[in-house]
């Protein structure tokens, strides 16, 4: 009975027409957001961007993204707002602050947050947005910078099914797959679960590749064995941590332009907090968190997280 009452409290009065959404505000034009906004432009959307970095705004302008001087100016008159921002606090301030999205977005607009944050963050934003007459979904992404550049991202969405359905044209412009995971916050749960597993398998791949190579195996032969055996994974096929074996992997470009180790630490810490809240054991996740923290403490936080291979390789015997 209580669940039905809550559902009624957050009913949104739809003020938008049935015509397609065309005007988009994009907040956060960094490594991921810049490419995502550019791909929206390529698909015919009119995109107005905001980022505190003038360099990011200048770069986005070259891809057809017009610039705004504030969040309020960016969202003025748009149909949809898309954001990808770095932390819980930044997202909450961007959406619920005095200059924020919820206060200034037009009634009936759709808000899509693709940041990776604590699941409680979208759960805080959703009711405020609903009461203000705007729709909100959390839609974190997987695929990294390459996925953003090539429009092959996977979106994990939490929120109302009708809002997910409305978001699909925009998500398809930026990615290859879209999953409706459940109610508000469910997208973040899926993303954090994915990234913890990505961190664990990345760590395990680096560990076993390092062991086999130090025992004298040819790295190419070892990788070929792994990719054709039961140990095959995304970390061996696409994201091999050993330089030179997979040309498109960050390890083959000095661990640059990938998923930064500091972001992996952030996501693992968020996932650990989520696990703590429900008292579920994560022994492998805990070990992975500590190892990536060590990489960061040694000054390699800006490198791709697969740099953990170098940490293991260079440990003294």
Protein backbone atom coordinates (compact mmCIF):
# COMPACT_ATOMS: atom_id res chain seq x y z
CA UNK A 1 0.00 0.00 0.00
CA UNK A 2 2.81 2.40 0.89
CA UNK A 3 4.58 1.79 -2.42
CA UNK A 4 1.45 2.80 -4.37
CA UNK A 5 1.15 5.98 -2.33
CA UNK A 6 4.76 6.99 -3.05
CA UNK A 7 4.23 6.34 -6.74
CA UNK A 8 1.29 8.74 -6.80
CA UNK A 9 3.28 11.43 -4.97
CA UNK A 10 5.87 11.52 -7.73
CA UNK A 11 3.53 11.61 -10.73
CA UNK A 12 4.75 14.17 -13.26
CA UNK A 13 2.39 16.38 -15.19
CA UNK A 14 3.67 16.18 -18.75
CA UNK A 15 3.99 19.60 -20.33
CA UNK A 16 6.01 18.64 -23.37
CA UNK A 17 4.51 17.86 -26.76
CA UNK A 18 4.81 14.60 -28.64
CA UNK A 19 7.31 16.11 -31.07
CA UNK A 20 10.86 14.67 -30.91
CA UNK A 21 13.33 16.11 -28.41
CA UNK A 22 15.90 18.15 -30.35
CA UNK A 23 17.41 20.74 -28.01
CA UNK A 24 19.88 19.38 -25.48
CA UNK A 25 21.98 20.90 -22.71
CA UNK A 26 25.18 18.97 -22.00
CA UNK A 27 26.95 19.47 -18.67
CA UNK A 28 30.52 18.22 -18.36
CA UNK A 29 32.61 18.30 -21.54
CA UNK A 30 35.69 16.40 -20.37
CA UNK A 31 37.26 13.23 -21.78
CA UNK A 32 33.90 11.43 -21.95
CA UNK A 33 31.41 14.27 -22.22
CA UNK A 34 33.15 16.04 -25.08
CA UNK A 35 32.82 13.01 -27.34
CA UNK A 36 29.28 12.25 -26.17
CA UNK A 37 28.13 15.79 -26.92
CA UNK A 38 29.83 15.68 -30.33
CA UNK A 39 28.02 12.45 -31.20
CA UNK A 40 24.68 14.05 -30.33
CA UNK A 41 25.51 16.88 -32.76
CA UNK A 42 26.41 14.31 -35.44
CA UNK A 43 22.94 12.79 -35.07
CA UNK A 44 21.24 16.13 -35.64
CA UNK A 45 20.60 17.34 -32.10
CA UNK A 46 21.14 20.98 -31.17
CA UNK A 47 23.56 20.88 -28.24
CA UNK A 48 24.44 23.69 -25.83
CA UNK A 49 27.25 22.83 -23.44
CA UNK A 50 28.55 23.99 -20.09
CA UNK A 51 31.83 23.17 -18.40
CA UNK A 52 33.85 25.22 -15.90
CA UNK A 53 36.87 24.65 -18.15
CA UNK A 54 37.21 27.18 -20.96
CA UNK A 55 39.47 24.74 -22.79
CA UNK A 56 36.73 22.11 -22.75
CA UNK A 57 34.18 24.59 -24.11
CA UNK A 58 36.57 25.64 -26.88
CA UNK A 59 37.22 22.04 -27.87
CA UNK A 60 33.49 21.23 -27.88
CA UNK A 61 32.75 24.27 -30.03
CA UNK A 62 34.89 22.75 -32.79
CA UNK A 63 32.45 19.84 -32.82
CA UNK A 64 29.38 22.05 -33.14
CA UNK A 65 28.49 22.41 -29.44
CA UNK A 66 27.48 25.96 -28.53
CA UNK A 67 28.66 27.34 -25.20
CA UNK A 68 26.78 28.58 -22.14
CA UNK A 69 28.18 30.62 -19.25
CA UNK A 70 26.36 28.74 -16.49
CA UNK A 71 24.20 25.70 -15.81
CA UNK A 72 21.10 27.89 -15.71
CA UNK A 73 21.94 29.38 -19.11
CA UNK A 74 22.70 25.95 -20.57
CA UNK A 75 19.35 24.42 -19.61
CA UNK A 76 17.21 27.41 -20.56
CA UNK A 77 14.53 26.30 -23.04
CA UNK A 78 15.94 22.83 -23.73
CA UNK A 79 14.06 19.55 -24.08
CA UNK A 80 16.71 17.35 -22.48
CA UNK A 81 19.66 17.77 -20.13
CA UNK A 82 22.54 15.28 -20.22
CA UNK A 83 25.36 15.38 -17.68
CA UNK A 84 28.50 13.44 -16.87
CA UNK A 85 30.22 14.85 -13.80
CA UNK A 86 33.03 13.70 -11.49
CA UNK A 87 31.61 13.20 -7.98
CA UNK A 88 28.60 12.94 -5.67
CA UNK A 89 28.93 16.55 -4.52
CA UNK A 90 29.34 17.99 -8.00
CA UNK A 91 26.25 16.13 -9.23
CA UNK A 92 24.11 17.19 -6.25
CA UNK A 93 25.23 20.81 -6.59
CA UNK A 94 24.63 20.78 -10.35
CA UNK A 95 21.10 19.44 -10.00
CA UNK A 96 19.85 20.80 -6.68
CA UNK A 97 21.86 24.03 -6.25
CA UNK A 98 20.51 27.56 -6.73
CA UNK A 99 22.03 27.68 -10.21
CA UNK A 100 21.10 24.06 -10.72
CA UNK A 101 19.26 22.04 -13.30
CA UNK A 102 16.09 21.25 -11.38
CA UNK A 103 15.45 24.90 -10.53
CA UNK A 104 16.00 26.17 -14.07
CA UNK A 105 15.09 23.36 -16.49
CA UNK A 106 11.76 23.82 -18.32
CA UNK A 107 8.73 21.92 -17.07
CA UNK A 108 8.39 18.60 -18.84
CA UNK A 109 12.07 18.32 -19.72
CA UNK A 110 14.02 15.10 -19.29
CA UNK A 111 17.18 15.02 -17.16
CA UNK A 112 19.75 12.29 -17.87
CA UNK A 113 22.70 11.98 -15.51
CA UNK A 114 25.48 9.71 -16.80
CA UNK A 115 27.86 10.33 -13.90
CA UNK A 116 29.02 7.41 -11.76
CA UNK A 117 27.95 8.17 -8.20
CA UNK A 118 26.52 6.61 -5.05
CA UNK A 119 23.04 5.16 -5.80
CA UNK A 120 21.66 7.44 -3.08
CA UNK A 121 22.49 10.50 -5.20
CA UNK A 122 19.86 9.85 -7.92
CA UNK A 123 17.47 8.77 -5.18
CA UNK A 124 17.86 12.27 -3.69
CA UNK A 125 17.43 14.03 -7.02
CA UNK A 126 14.51 12.01 -8.38
CA UNK A 127 11.78 13.15 -5.94
CA UNK A 128 12.85 16.81 -6.12
CA UNK A 129 12.86 16.69 -9.91
CA UNK A 130 9.47 14.95 -9.98
CA UNK A 131 7.90 17.52 -7.69
CA UNK A 132 9.29 20.26 -9.98
CA UNK A 133 7.64 18.75 -13.06
CA UNK A 134 10.74 17.35 -14.74
CA UNK A 135 11.74 13.74 -15.37
CA UNK A 136 15.03 12.33 -14.10
CA UNK A 137 16.96 9.14 -14.82
CA UNK A 138 20.40 7.95 -13.79
CA UNK A 139 22.22 6.55 -16.82
CA UNK A 140 25.87 5.78 -16.07
CA UNK A 141 27.94 4.39 -18.92
CA UNK A 142 30.45 1.65 -19.64
CA UNK A 143 32.91 1.68 -22.50
CA UNK A 144 35.42 4.33 -21.52
CA UNK A 145 36.85 7.08 -23.68
CA UNK A 146 37.02 4.82 -26.75
CA UNK A 147 33.35 3.97 -26.33
CA UNK A 148 32.46 7.64 -25.97
CA UNK A 149 34.47 8.54 -29.07
CA UNK A 150 33.03 5.75 -31.19
CA UNK A 151 29.45 6.00 -29.85
CA UNK A 152 29.58 2.41 -28.59
CA UNK A 153 28.82 3.08 -24.92
CA UNK A 154 26.47 0.92 -22.89
CA UNK A 155 23.97 2.83 -20.75
CA UNK A 156 22.61 1.37 -17.51
CA UNK A 157 19.47 3.28 -16.63
CA UNK A 158 17.53 3.69 -13.43
CA UNK A 159 14.17 5.47 -13.36
CA UNK A 160 10.65 5.31 -14.72
CA UNK A 161 10.17 3.10 -17.78
CA UNK A 162 8.43 5.87 -19.72
CA UNK A 163 11.37 8.20 -19.06
CA UNK A 164 13.80 5.52 -20.19
CA UNK A 165 11.78 5.05 -23.39
CA UNK A 166 11.90 8.79 -24.04
CA UNK A 167 15.68 8.83 -23.51
CA UNK A 168 16.43 6.09 -26.06
CA UNK A 169 16.96 8.35 -29.12
CA UNK A 170 19.60 10.34 -27.24
CA UNK A 171 21.23 7.26 -25.75
CA UNK A 172 21.34 5.60 -29.17
CA UNK A 173 23.15 8.65 -30.55
CA UNK A 174 25.87 8.21 -27.93
CA UNK A 175 26.04 4.44 -27.50
CA UNK A 176 25.32 0.97 -28.78
CA UNK A 177 23.30 -0.54 -25.93
CA UNK A 178 20.76 0.70 -23.41
CA UNK A 179 19.48 -1.25 -20.42
CA UNK A 180 16.57 -0.30 -18.17
CA UNK A 181 17.78 -1.70 -14.84
CA UNK A 182 14.89 -0.67 -12.58
CA UNK A 183 13.86 2.23 -10.38
CA UNK A 184 15.90 5.35 -9.61
CA UNK A 185 19.43 4.41 -8.54
CA UNK A 186 19.36 1.00 -10.24
CA UNK A 187 21.60 2.22 -13.06
CA UNK A 188 24.26 3.13 -10.51
CA UNK A 189 23.99 -0.26 -8.81
CA UNK A 190 24.56 -1.99 -12.17
CA UNK A 191 27.47 0.32 -13.05
CA UNK A 192 29.25 -0.13 -9.72
CA UNK A 193 28.79 -3.89 -9.88
CA UNK A 194 30.24 -3.87 -13.39
CA UNK A 195 33.21 -1.71 -12.46
CA UNK A 196 34.08 -3.75 -9.39
CA UNK A 197 34.19 -6.86 -11.57
CA UNK A 198 36.20 -4.96 -14.19
CA UNK A 199 38.71 -3.94 -11.53
CA UNK A 200 38.95 -7.48 -10.17
CA UNK A 201 39.41 -9.13 -13.58
CA UNK A 202 41.87 -6.43 -14.63
CA UNK A 203 43.91 -7.08 -11.49
CA UNK A 204 43.75 -10.85 -12.01
CA UNK A 205 44.77 -10.59 -15.67
CA UNK A 206 47.76 -8.42 -14.79
CA UNK A 207 48.78 -10.81 -12.03
CA UNK A 208 48.62 -13.95 -14.16
CA UNK A 209 50.18 -12.39 -17.26
CA UNK A 210 53.05 -11.15 -15.09
CA UNK A 211 53.51 -14.59 -13.52
CA UNK A 212 53.52 -16.44 -16.84
CA UNK A 213 55.91 -14.00 -18.51
CA UNK A 214 58.33 -14.12 -15.58
CA UNK A 215 58.28 -17.92 -15.85
CA UNK A 216 59.54 -17.56 -19.41
CA UNK A 217 56.40 -17.77 -21.57
CA UNK A 218 56.23 -15.67 -24.72
CA UNK A 219 53.65 -12.93 -23.91
CA UNK A 220 51.86 -13.36 -27.25
CA UNK A 221 51.60 -17.12 -26.79
CA UNK A 222 50.31 -16.72 -23.24
CA UNK A 223 47.67 -14.20 -24.30
CA UNK A 224 46.58 -16.45 -27.17
CA UNK A 225 46.17 -19.35 -24.73
CA UNK A 226 44.11 -17.23 -22.33
CA UNK A 227 41.89 -15.90 -25.13
CA UNK A 228 41.12 -19.41 -26.32
CA UNK A 229 40.64 -20.98 -22.91
CA UNK A 230 38.36 -20.69 -19.92
CA UNK A 231 40.19 -17.59 -18.62
CA UNK A 232 39.09 -15.48 -21.60
CA UNK A 233 37.61 -12.10 -20.60
CA UNK A 234 37.28 -8.49 -21.72
CA UNK A 235 40.55 -7.81 -19.90
CA UNK A 236 42.41 -10.35 -22.05
CA UNK A 237 40.66 -9.74 -25.38
CA UNK A 238 40.25 -5.97 -25.41
CA UNK A 239 42.13 -4.44 -22.49
CA UNK A 240 45.29 -6.51 -22.09
CA UNK A 241 47.54 -4.79 -19.52
CA UNK A 242 50.78 -5.90 -21.23
CA UNK A 243 52.04 -3.29 -23.72
CA UNK A 244 52.13 -4.17 -27.39
CA UNK A 245 49.84 -7.19 -27.40
CA UNK A 246 46.53 -5.43 -28.14
CA UNK A 247 47.28 -2.31 -30.22
CA UNK A 248 44.09 -0.49 -29.23
CA UNK A 249 44.49 -1.08 -25.47
CA UNK A 250 45.71 1.80 -23.29
CA UNK A 251 48.74 -0.30 -22.30
CA UNK A 252 49.97 0.05 -25.89
CA UNK A 253 49.97 3.85 -25.68
CA UNK A 254 51.79 4.26 -22.38
CA UNK A 255 48.55 3.72 -20.42
CA UNK A 256 47.12 7.05 -21.63
CA UNK A 257 43.59 7.96 -22.79
CA UNK A 258 41.88 5.15 -20.97
CA UNK A 259 39.99 4.77 -17.69
CA UNK A 260 42.16 6.55 -15.14
CA UNK A 261 43.34 4.62 -12.11
CA UNK A 262 42.02 7.38 -9.85
CA UNK A 263 38.54 6.87 -11.31
CA UNK A 264 38.78 3.13 -10.75
CA UNK A 265 39.65 3.84 -7.10
CA UNK A 266 36.66 6.17 -6.83
CA UNK A 267 34.28 3.59 -8.30
CA UNK A 268 35.64 0.77 -6.16
CA UNK A 269 35.22 2.92 -3.07
CA UNK A 270 31.63 3.69 -4.07
CA UNK A 271 30.97 0.00 -4.65
CA UNK A 272 32.56 -0.86 -1.30
CA UNK A 273 30.31 1.62 0.48
CA UNK A 274 27.30 0.15 -1.30
CA UNK A 275 28.31 -3.35 -0.20
CA UNK A 276 28.88 -2.19 3.36
CA UNK A 277 25.38 -0.73 3.46
CA UNK A 278 23.83 -4.12 2.75
CA UNK A 279 26.44 -6.15 4.67
CA UNK A 280 27.51 -8.24 1.68
CA UNK A 281 31.06 -9.64 1.61
CA UNK A 282 33.41 -8.39 -1.13
CA UNK A 283 36.82 -9.92 -0.33
CA UNK A 284 38.13 -9.68 -3.90
CA UNK A 285 36.72 -6.18 -4.29
CA UNK A 286 38.50 -5.12 -1.11
CA UNK A 287 41.85 -6.47 -2.34
CA UNK A 288 41.39 -4.78 -5.73
CA UNK A 289 40.58 -1.47 -4.04
CA UNK A 290 43.77 -1.59 -2.01
CA UNK A 291 45.98 -2.49 -4.98
CA UNK A 292 44.64 0.33 -7.14
CA UNK A 293 45.08 2.68 -4.18
CA UNK A 294 48.74 1.65 -4.05
CA UNK A 295 49.10 2.51 -7.75
CA UNK A 296 47.58 5.92 -7.04
CA UNK A 297 49.76 6.51 -3.95
CA UNK A 298 52.85 5.98 -6.11
CA UNK A 299 51.86 8.82 -8.41
CA UNK A 300 50.14 6.96 -11.24
CA UNK A 301 46.54 7.98 -10.65
CA UNK A 302 46.30 9.61 -14.09
CA UNK A 303 47.41 6.44 -15.86
CA UNK A 304 44.90 3.86 -17.07
CA UNK A 305 43.96 1.37 -14.36
CA UNK A 306 45.68 -1.45 -16.28
CA UNK A 307 48.96 0.18 -15.19
CA UNK A 308 48.61 -2.17 -12.22
CA UNK A 309 50.56 -4.63 -14.40
CA UNK A 310 53.60 -2.38 -14.14
CA UNK A 311 53.26 -2.27 -10.36
CA UNK A 312 53.29 -6.07 -10.17
CA UNK A 313 56.01 -6.45 -12.81
CA UNK A 314 58.41 -4.14 -11.07
CA UNK A 315 58.01 -5.44 -7.53
CA UNK A 316 61.35 -6.62 -6.17
CA UNK A 317 61.88 -10.36 -5.92
